């Protein structure tokens, strides 16, 4: 369902999604904020909800699908 809601953002490479995990990576803070706002708007429009305290915002490193993703590299 998330893939359908965010299909155009995924196709342009602005977003990566897997199940209920959504990744946004942008060096430009304004673009990043616009993408996050758009994602939240679409989630709300489809009567879905999120719990903001369960999400991580503007971080430099994340574990995703057993990979450690950093700003400048990806590790297994």
N, C-alpha and C. Protein backbone atom coordinates (compact mmCIF):
# COMPACT_ATOMS: atom_id res chain seq x y z
N UNK A 1 0.82 -1.19 0.00
CA UNK A 1 0.00 0.00 0.00
C UNK A 1 0.87 1.26 0.00
N UNK A 2 1.91 1.27 0.82
CA UNK A 2 2.80 2.43 0.86
C UNK A 2 3.46 2.64 -0.50
N UNK A 3 3.86 1.56 -1.16
CA UNK A 3 4.46 1.70 -2.49
C UNK A 3 3.50 2.36 -3.47
N UNK A 4 2.22 2.02 -3.40
CA UNK A 4 1.24 2.64 -4.29
C UNK A 4 1.07 4.12 -3.96
N UNK A 5 1.02 4.46 -2.69
CA UNK A 5 0.83 5.84 -2.27
C UNK A 5 2.02 6.72 -2.67
N UNK A 6 3.22 6.15 -2.60
CA UNK A 6 4.44 6.92 -2.85
C UNK A 6 5.12 6.58 -4.18
N UNK A 7 4.42 5.90 -5.06
CA UNK A 7 5.02 5.38 -6.30
C UNK A 7 5.85 6.42 -7.06
N UNK A 8 5.33 7.61 -7.29
CA UNK A 8 6.08 8.60 -8.07
C UNK A 8 7.34 9.06 -7.34
N UNK A 9 7.29 9.17 -6.03
CA UNK A 9 8.48 9.56 -5.27
C UNK A 9 9.52 8.44 -5.27
N UNK A 10 9.06 7.21 -5.24
CA UNK A 10 9.97 6.06 -5.33
C UNK A 10 10.61 6.01 -6.70
N UNK A 11 9.81 6.21 -7.74
CA UNK A 11 10.31 6.15 -9.12
C UNK A 11 11.35 7.22 -9.42
N UNK A 12 11.23 8.38 -8.78
CA UNK A 12 12.21 9.45 -9.00
C UNK A 12 13.45 9.29 -8.12
N UNK A 13 13.42 8.33 -7.20
CA UNK A 13 14.57 8.10 -6.33
C UNK A 13 14.59 8.97 -5.09
N UNK A 14 13.53 9.74 -4.86
CA UNK A 14 13.47 10.59 -3.68
C UNK A 14 13.18 9.80 -2.41
N UNK A 15 12.57 8.63 -2.56
CA UNK A 15 12.12 7.84 -1.41
C UNK A 15 12.41 6.36 -1.67
N UNK A 16 12.75 5.65 -0.61
CA UNK A 16 12.82 4.19 -0.65
C UNK A 16 11.82 3.68 0.39
N UNK A 17 11.05 2.68 0.03
CA UNK A 17 10.05 2.16 0.96
C UNK A 17 10.07 0.64 0.94
N UNK A 18 9.91 0.06 2.12
CA UNK A 18 9.80 -1.38 2.27
C UNK A 18 8.84 -1.64 3.42
N UNK A 19 7.73 -2.24 3.12
CA UNK A 19 6.67 -2.47 4.11
C UNK A 19 6.26 -1.12 4.70
N UNK A 20 6.46 -0.95 5.99
CA UNK A 20 6.08 0.33 6.60
C UNK A 20 7.30 1.20 6.92
N UNK A 21 8.44 0.89 6.33
CA UNK A 21 9.64 1.71 6.51
C UNK A 21 9.80 2.61 5.30
N UNK A 22 10.01 3.88 5.55
CA UNK A 22 10.17 4.85 4.48
C UNK A 22 11.48 5.60 4.72
N UNK A 23 12.34 5.64 3.72
CA UNK A 23 13.62 6.35 3.82
C UNK A 23 13.63 7.52 2.86
N UNK A 24 14.11 8.65 3.35
CA UNK A 24 14.28 9.84 2.52
C UNK A 24 15.71 10.30 2.74
N UNK A 25 16.47 10.45 1.64
CA UNK A 25 17.85 10.90 1.76
C UNK A 25 18.05 12.07 0.82
N UNK A 26 18.32 13.22 1.38
CA UNK A 26 18.58 14.42 0.61
C UNK A 26 19.57 15.28 1.38
N UNK A 27 20.55 15.82 0.69
CA UNK A 27 21.49 16.74 1.34
C UNK A 27 20.87 18.13 1.47
N UNK A 28 20.00 18.48 0.54
CA UNK A 28 19.31 19.77 0.57
C UNK A 28 18.17 19.70 1.59
N UNK A 29 18.31 20.45 2.69
CA UNK A 29 17.33 20.37 3.78
C UNK A 29 15.94 20.82 3.34
N UNK A 30 15.85 21.82 2.48
CA UNK A 30 14.54 22.28 2.01
C UNK A 30 13.84 21.18 1.22
N UNK A 31 14.57 20.52 0.34
CA UNK A 31 14.00 19.43 -0.46
C UNK A 31 13.59 18.27 0.45
N UNK A 32 14.44 17.95 1.41
CA UNK A 32 14.13 16.88 2.37
C UNK A 32 12.81 17.19 3.09
N UNK A 33 12.70 18.40 3.61
CA UNK A 33 11.50 18.79 4.34
C UNK A 33 10.25 18.73 3.46
N UNK A 34 10.37 19.15 2.20
CA UNK A 34 9.23 19.10 1.28
C UNK A 34 8.80 17.66 1.02
N UNK A 35 9.76 16.77 0.86
CA UNK A 35 9.43 15.36 0.61
C UNK A 35 8.75 14.76 1.83
N UNK A 36 9.27 15.03 3.03
CA UNK A 36 8.66 14.50 4.25
C UNK A 36 7.24 15.04 4.41
N UNK A 37 7.05 16.33 4.16
CA UNK A 37 5.71 16.92 4.24
C UNK A 37 4.76 16.25 3.26
N UNK A 38 5.23 15.98 2.05
CA UNK A 38 4.40 15.32 1.04
C UNK A 38 4.04 13.90 1.47
N UNK A 39 5.00 13.18 2.01
CA UNK A 39 4.72 11.82 2.50
C UNK A 39 3.66 11.86 3.59
N UNK A 40 3.82 12.75 4.55
CA UNK A 40 2.85 12.85 5.64
C UNK A 40 1.47 13.25 5.13
N UNK A 41 1.42 14.15 4.16
CA UNK A 41 0.15 14.56 3.57
C UNK A 41 -0.55 13.38 2.91
N UNK A 42 0.20 12.58 2.17
CA UNK A 42 -0.38 11.43 1.47
C UNK A 42 -0.85 10.36 2.46
N UNK A 43 -0.08 10.14 3.49
CA UNK A 43 -0.48 9.15 4.51
C UNK A 43 -1.80 9.57 5.14
N UNK A 44 -1.90 10.84 5.48
CA UNK A 44 -3.14 11.35 6.08
C UNK A 44 -4.30 11.27 5.09
N UNK A 45 -4.07 11.62 3.84
CA UNK A 45 -5.12 11.59 2.82
C UNK A 45 -5.68 10.19 2.61
N UNK A 46 -4.86 9.16 2.85
CA UNK A 46 -5.30 7.78 2.69
C UNK A 46 -5.80 7.18 4.00
N UNK A 47 -6.10 8.04 4.96
CA UNK A 47 -6.63 7.62 6.27
C UNK A 47 -5.70 6.67 7.01
N UNK A 48 -4.41 6.84 6.81
CA UNK A 48 -3.41 6.10 7.56
C UNK A 48 -2.86 7.03 8.63
N UNK A 49 -2.15 6.50 9.57
CA UNK A 49 -1.58 7.34 10.62
C UNK A 49 -0.21 6.83 10.99
N UNK A 50 0.56 7.70 11.63
CA UNK A 50 1.87 7.32 12.14
C UNK A 50 1.96 7.79 13.59
N UNK A 51 2.87 7.18 14.29
CA UNK A 51 3.19 7.61 15.65
C UNK A 51 4.57 8.26 15.58
N UNK A 52 4.61 9.58 15.57
CA UNK A 52 5.90 10.28 15.38
C UNK A 52 7.00 9.83 16.33
N UNK A 53 6.66 9.44 17.56
CA UNK A 53 7.72 9.04 18.50
C UNK A 53 8.39 7.73 18.09
N UNK A 54 7.79 6.97 17.17
CA UNK A 54 8.40 5.72 16.70
C UNK A 54 9.33 5.94 15.51
N UNK A 55 9.35 7.16 14.98
CA UNK A 55 10.15 7.45 13.80
C UNK A 55 11.40 8.21 14.16
N UNK A 56 12.40 8.11 13.29
CA UNK A 56 13.65 8.84 13.46
C UNK A 56 13.71 9.91 12.38
N UNK A 57 14.06 11.11 12.76
CA UNK A 57 14.07 12.24 11.83
C UNK A 57 15.48 12.81 11.72
N UNK A 58 15.91 13.08 10.53
CA UNK A 58 17.18 13.76 10.25
C UNK A 58 18.36 13.10 10.96
N UNK A 59 18.54 11.83 10.72
CA UNK A 59 19.64 11.10 11.33
C UNK A 59 20.75 10.87 10.31
N UNK A 60 21.93 10.57 10.77
CA UNK A 60 23.10 10.37 9.90
C UNK A 60 23.40 8.90 9.62
N UNK A 61 22.81 7.99 10.40
CA UNK A 61 23.06 6.56 10.23
C UNK A 61 21.81 5.78 10.61
N UNK A 62 21.52 4.72 9.81
CA UNK A 62 20.34 3.91 10.10
C UNK A 62 20.59 2.46 9.69
N UNK A 63 19.99 1.54 10.42
CA UNK A 63 19.98 0.14 10.03
C UNK A 63 18.71 -0.10 9.23
N UNK A 64 18.85 -0.62 8.03
CA UNK A 64 17.71 -0.84 7.15
C UNK A 64 17.94 -2.13 6.39
N UNK A 65 17.06 -3.09 6.58
CA UNK A 65 17.16 -4.39 5.90
C UNK A 65 18.53 -5.03 6.12
N UNK A 66 19.01 -4.99 7.35
CA UNK A 66 20.28 -5.55 7.76
C UNK A 66 21.50 -4.87 7.13
N UNK A 67 21.32 -3.66 6.65
CA UNK A 67 22.42 -2.85 6.16
C UNK A 67 22.56 -1.64 7.07
N UNK A 68 23.79 -1.18 7.24
CA UNK A 68 24.02 0.05 7.99
C UNK A 68 24.28 1.13 6.95
N UNK A 69 23.35 2.05 6.87
CA UNK A 69 23.45 3.11 5.87
C UNK A 69 23.88 4.40 6.54
N UNK A 70 24.98 4.97 6.02
CA UNK A 70 25.51 6.24 6.53
C UNK A 70 25.47 7.25 5.40
N UNK A 71 25.80 8.47 5.74
CA UNK A 71 25.77 9.54 4.75
C UNK A 71 26.67 9.23 3.57
N UNK A 72 27.84 8.67 3.82
CA UNK A 72 28.82 8.47 2.75
C UNK A 72 29.05 7.02 2.35
N UNK A 73 28.35 6.06 2.97
CA UNK A 73 28.59 4.66 2.62
C UNK A 73 27.49 3.74 3.17
N UNK A 74 27.54 2.51 2.68
CA UNK A 74 26.63 1.45 3.16
C UNK A 74 27.49 0.27 3.58
N UNK A 75 27.21 -0.28 4.77
CA UNK A 75 27.94 -1.45 5.27
C UNK A 75 26.98 -2.60 5.51
N UNK A 76 27.50 -3.80 5.42
CA UNK A 76 26.70 -4.98 5.72
C UNK A 76 26.86 -5.31 7.19
